[in-house]
Amino acid sequence: MTPTLTTPHTTATTPELAPREQETLRHIAAGHTYHQTARHMGLSPHTVDAYLRRIRTKLNITTTAEMTRAAITLGL
């Protein structure tokens, strides 16, 4: 039996991500750690974590793999 892939909820009704949330998502989707992302963005890792929590809530996703897929789907 082949597992099915679910897509994140990235329809027109999805709340828009703020520019810093988009930038954070791009870094994480590129494989950067929280600390690397924080360093590149000039933020603390705690702020990166807060952005990622908001992204997960807005897009109704839970895993890093889903975040990567959402970044691709959103063209980030």
N, C-alpha and C. Protein backbone atom coordinates (compact mmCIF):
# COMPACT_ATOMS: atom_id res chain seq x y z
N MET A 1 0.84 -1.17 0.00
CA MET A 1 0.00 0.00 0.00
C MET A 1 0.89 1.24 0.00
N THR A 2 0.65 2.16 -0.90
CA THR A 2 1.45 3.38 -1.01
C THR A 2 0.89 4.44 -0.07
N PRO A 3 1.77 5.06 0.74
CA PRO A 3 1.27 6.11 1.62
C PRO A 3 0.85 7.32 0.79
N THR A 4 -0.14 8.02 1.25
CA THR A 4 -0.60 9.22 0.55
C THR A 4 0.04 10.44 1.19
N LEU A 5 0.34 11.41 0.36
CA LEU A 5 0.91 12.64 0.86
C LEU A 5 -0.21 13.65 1.05
N THR A 6 -0.18 14.30 2.16
CA THR A 6 -1.15 15.37 2.38
C THR A 6 -0.47 16.69 2.12
N THR A 7 -1.22 17.63 1.62
CA THR A 7 -0.65 18.94 1.35
C THR A 7 -1.07 19.90 2.45
N PRO A 8 -0.19 20.86 2.77
CA PRO A 8 -0.58 21.85 3.76
C PRO A 8 -1.72 22.69 3.21
N HIS A 9 -2.44 23.29 4.09
CA HIS A 9 -3.59 24.10 3.70
C HIS A 9 -3.10 25.44 3.18
N THR A 10 -2.77 25.49 1.89
CA THR A 10 -2.24 26.70 1.29
C THR A 10 -3.18 27.21 0.21
N THR A 11 -4.44 27.26 0.53
CA THR A 11 -5.44 27.73 -0.41
C THR A 11 -5.59 29.24 -0.27
N ALA A 12 -6.47 29.81 -1.06
CA ALA A 12 -6.69 31.26 -1.02
C ALA A 12 -7.17 31.72 0.35
N THR A 13 -7.74 30.83 1.15
CA THR A 13 -8.23 31.22 2.46
C THR A 13 -7.14 31.17 3.53
N THR A 14 -5.93 30.75 3.17
CA THR A 14 -4.83 30.70 4.11
C THR A 14 -4.40 32.11 4.49
N PRO A 15 -4.24 32.37 5.79
CA PRO A 15 -3.77 33.69 6.19
C PRO A 15 -2.41 33.98 5.57
N GLU A 16 -2.20 35.20 5.18
CA GLU A 16 -0.94 35.59 4.55
C GLU A 16 0.17 35.63 5.59
N LEU A 17 1.34 35.15 5.18
CA LEU A 17 2.49 35.18 6.06
C LEU A 17 3.15 36.55 5.98
N ALA A 18 3.59 37.06 7.13
CA ALA A 18 4.33 38.32 7.18
C ALA A 18 5.68 38.13 6.49
N PRO A 19 6.29 39.21 6.02
CA PRO A 19 7.58 39.08 5.33
C PRO A 19 8.65 38.35 6.16
N ARG A 20 8.74 38.62 7.44
CA ARG A 20 9.74 37.94 8.27
C ARG A 20 9.40 36.46 8.45
N GLU A 21 8.11 36.14 8.48
CA GLU A 21 7.70 34.73 8.55
C GLU A 21 8.09 34.03 7.26
N GLN A 22 7.90 34.69 6.12
CA GLN A 22 8.29 34.11 4.83
C GLN A 22 9.80 33.88 4.79
N GLU A 23 10.57 34.86 5.25
CA GLU A 23 12.02 34.72 5.25
C GLU A 23 12.45 33.56 6.15
N THR A 24 11.82 33.46 7.32
CA THR A 24 12.12 32.37 8.24
C THR A 24 11.81 31.03 7.59
N LEU A 25 10.67 30.94 6.96
CA LEU A 25 10.26 29.70 6.30
C LEU A 25 11.24 29.33 5.19
N ARG A 26 11.71 30.31 4.43
CA ARG A 26 12.70 30.04 3.38
C ARG A 26 13.97 29.43 3.97
N HIS A 27 14.45 29.99 5.07
CA HIS A 27 15.67 29.48 5.70
C HIS A 27 15.48 28.04 6.18
N ILE A 28 14.38 27.78 6.85
CA ILE A 28 14.13 26.43 7.38
C ILE A 28 13.96 25.44 6.23
N ALA A 29 13.25 25.85 5.18
CA ALA A 29 13.06 24.97 4.02
C ALA A 29 14.39 24.69 3.31
N ALA A 30 15.34 25.61 3.43
CA ALA A 30 16.66 25.42 2.83
C ALA A 30 17.54 24.50 3.67
N GLY A 31 17.03 24.09 4.82
CA GLY A 31 17.77 23.15 5.67
C GLY A 31 18.55 23.79 6.79
N HIS A 32 18.36 25.09 7.01
CA HIS A 32 19.07 25.76 8.09
C HIS A 32 18.45 25.42 9.44
N THR A 33 19.27 25.40 10.48
CA THR A 33 18.78 25.18 11.83
C THR A 33 18.18 26.48 12.37
N TYR A 34 17.54 26.40 13.54
CA TYR A 34 17.01 27.60 14.18
C TYR A 34 18.14 28.59 14.42
N HIS A 35 19.29 28.10 14.92
CA HIS A 35 20.41 28.98 15.23
C HIS A 35 21.00 29.61 13.98
N GLN A 36 21.13 28.85 12.90
CA GLN A 36 21.64 29.40 11.65
C GLN A 36 20.68 30.45 11.10
N THR A 37 19.39 30.14 11.16
CA THR A 37 18.37 31.08 10.68
C THR A 37 18.43 32.36 11.49
N ALA A 38 18.53 32.23 12.80
CA ALA A 38 18.60 33.39 13.68
C ALA A 38 19.82 34.25 13.34
N ARG A 39 20.95 33.61 13.13
CA ARG A 39 22.18 34.34 12.82
C ARG A 39 22.03 35.08 11.48
N HIS A 40 21.48 34.41 10.46
CA HIS A 40 21.31 35.04 9.15
C HIS A 40 20.34 36.21 9.19
N MET A 41 19.32 36.10 10.05
CA MET A 41 18.29 37.13 10.11
C MET A 41 18.57 38.19 11.17
N GLY A 42 19.61 37.98 11.98
CA GLY A 42 19.92 38.92 13.05
C GLY A 42 18.91 38.87 14.18
N LEU A 43 18.42 37.68 14.48
CA LEU A 43 17.41 37.47 15.52
C LEU A 43 17.92 36.48 16.56
N SER A 44 17.18 36.36 17.64
CA SER A 44 17.49 35.31 18.60
C SER A 44 16.79 34.03 18.16
N PRO A 45 17.33 32.87 18.56
CA PRO A 45 16.65 31.61 18.24
C PRO A 45 15.22 31.57 18.78
N HIS A 46 14.98 32.26 19.89
CA HIS A 46 13.63 32.29 20.47
C HIS A 46 12.65 33.00 19.54
N THR A 47 13.12 34.06 18.87
CA THR A 47 12.27 34.77 17.93
C THR A 47 11.98 33.90 16.72
N VAL A 48 12.98 33.20 16.24
CA VAL A 48 12.79 32.27 15.12
C VAL A 48 11.75 31.22 15.50
N ASP A 49 11.87 30.68 16.71
CA ASP A 49 10.91 29.70 17.19
C ASP A 49 9.49 30.29 17.21
N ALA A 50 9.37 31.54 17.64
CA ALA A 50 8.05 32.19 17.68
C ALA A 50 7.49 32.34 16.27
N TYR A 51 8.33 32.75 15.31
CA TYR A 51 7.87 32.85 13.92
C TYR A 51 7.40 31.50 13.40
N LEU A 52 8.16 30.46 13.70
CA LEU A 52 7.79 29.14 13.21
C LEU A 52 6.50 28.63 13.84
N ARG A 53 6.28 28.96 15.10
CA ARG A 53 5.00 28.57 15.73
C ARG A 53 3.84 29.27 15.03
N ARG A 54 4.02 30.55 14.71
CA ARG A 54 2.96 31.28 13.99
C ARG A 54 2.72 30.71 12.61
N ILE A 55 3.81 30.36 11.92
CA ILE A 55 3.68 29.76 10.59
C ILE A 55 2.91 28.45 10.68
N ARG A 56 3.27 27.61 11.63
CA ARG A 56 2.58 26.33 11.80
C ARG A 56 1.09 26.54 12.06
N THR A 57 0.77 27.53 12.88
CA THR A 57 -0.63 27.81 13.18
C THR A 57 -1.37 28.33 11.95
N LYS A 58 -0.77 29.30 11.27
CA LYS A 58 -1.42 29.89 10.10
C LYS A 58 -1.64 28.89 8.98
N LEU A 59 -0.67 27.98 8.78
CA LEU A 59 -0.76 27.02 7.68
C LEU A 59 -1.30 25.67 8.11
N ASN A 60 -1.58 25.54 9.40
CA ASN A 60 -2.13 24.30 9.95
C ASN A 60 -1.23 23.11 9.62
N ILE A 61 0.06 23.25 9.94
CA ILE A 61 1.03 22.19 9.71
C ILE A 61 1.80 21.92 10.99
N THR A 62 2.46 20.75 11.07
CA THR A 62 3.13 20.39 12.31
C THR A 62 4.59 20.01 12.16
N THR A 63 5.01 19.59 10.98
CA THR A 63 6.37 19.09 10.84
C THR A 63 7.23 20.00 9.95
N THR A 64 8.53 19.83 10.07
CA THR A 64 9.46 20.58 9.23
C THR A 64 9.28 20.18 7.77
N ALA A 65 9.00 18.93 7.52
CA ALA A 65 8.77 18.48 6.15
C ALA A 65 7.57 19.21 5.55
N GLU A 66 6.53 19.38 6.33
CA GLU A 66 5.35 20.11 5.85
C GLU A 66 5.69 21.58 5.61
N MET A 67 6.55 22.13 6.45
CA MET A 67 6.97 23.53 6.25
C MET A 67 7.74 23.66 4.94
N THR A 68 8.60 22.69 4.65
CA THR A 68 9.36 22.72 3.41
C THR A 68 8.41 22.64 2.22
N ARG A 69 7.47 21.74 2.32
CA ARG A 69 6.49 21.60 1.23
C ARG A 69 5.68 22.88 1.06
N ALA A 70 5.29 23.50 2.17
CA ALA A 70 4.54 24.76 2.10
C ALA A 70 5.38 25.84 1.44
N ALA A 71 6.67 25.91 1.75
CA ALA A 71 7.55 26.89 1.14
C ALA A 71 7.60 26.70 -0.37
N ILE A 72 7.69 25.47 -0.81
CA ILE A 72 7.70 25.17 -2.24
C ILE A 72 6.37 25.57 -2.87
N THR A 73 5.29 25.17 -2.24
CA THR A 73 3.95 25.47 -2.75
C THR A 73 3.71 26.97 -2.85
N LEU A 74 4.23 27.71 -1.86
CA LEU A 74 4.05 29.17 -1.83
C LEU A 74 5.07 29.91 -2.70
N GLY A 75 6.00 29.17 -3.30
CA GLY A 75 6.98 29.78 -4.16
C GLY A 75 8.07 30.53 -3.43
N LEU A 76 8.34 30.09 -2.21
CA LEU A 76 9.39 30.76 -1.43
C LEU A 76 10.72 30.09 -1.66
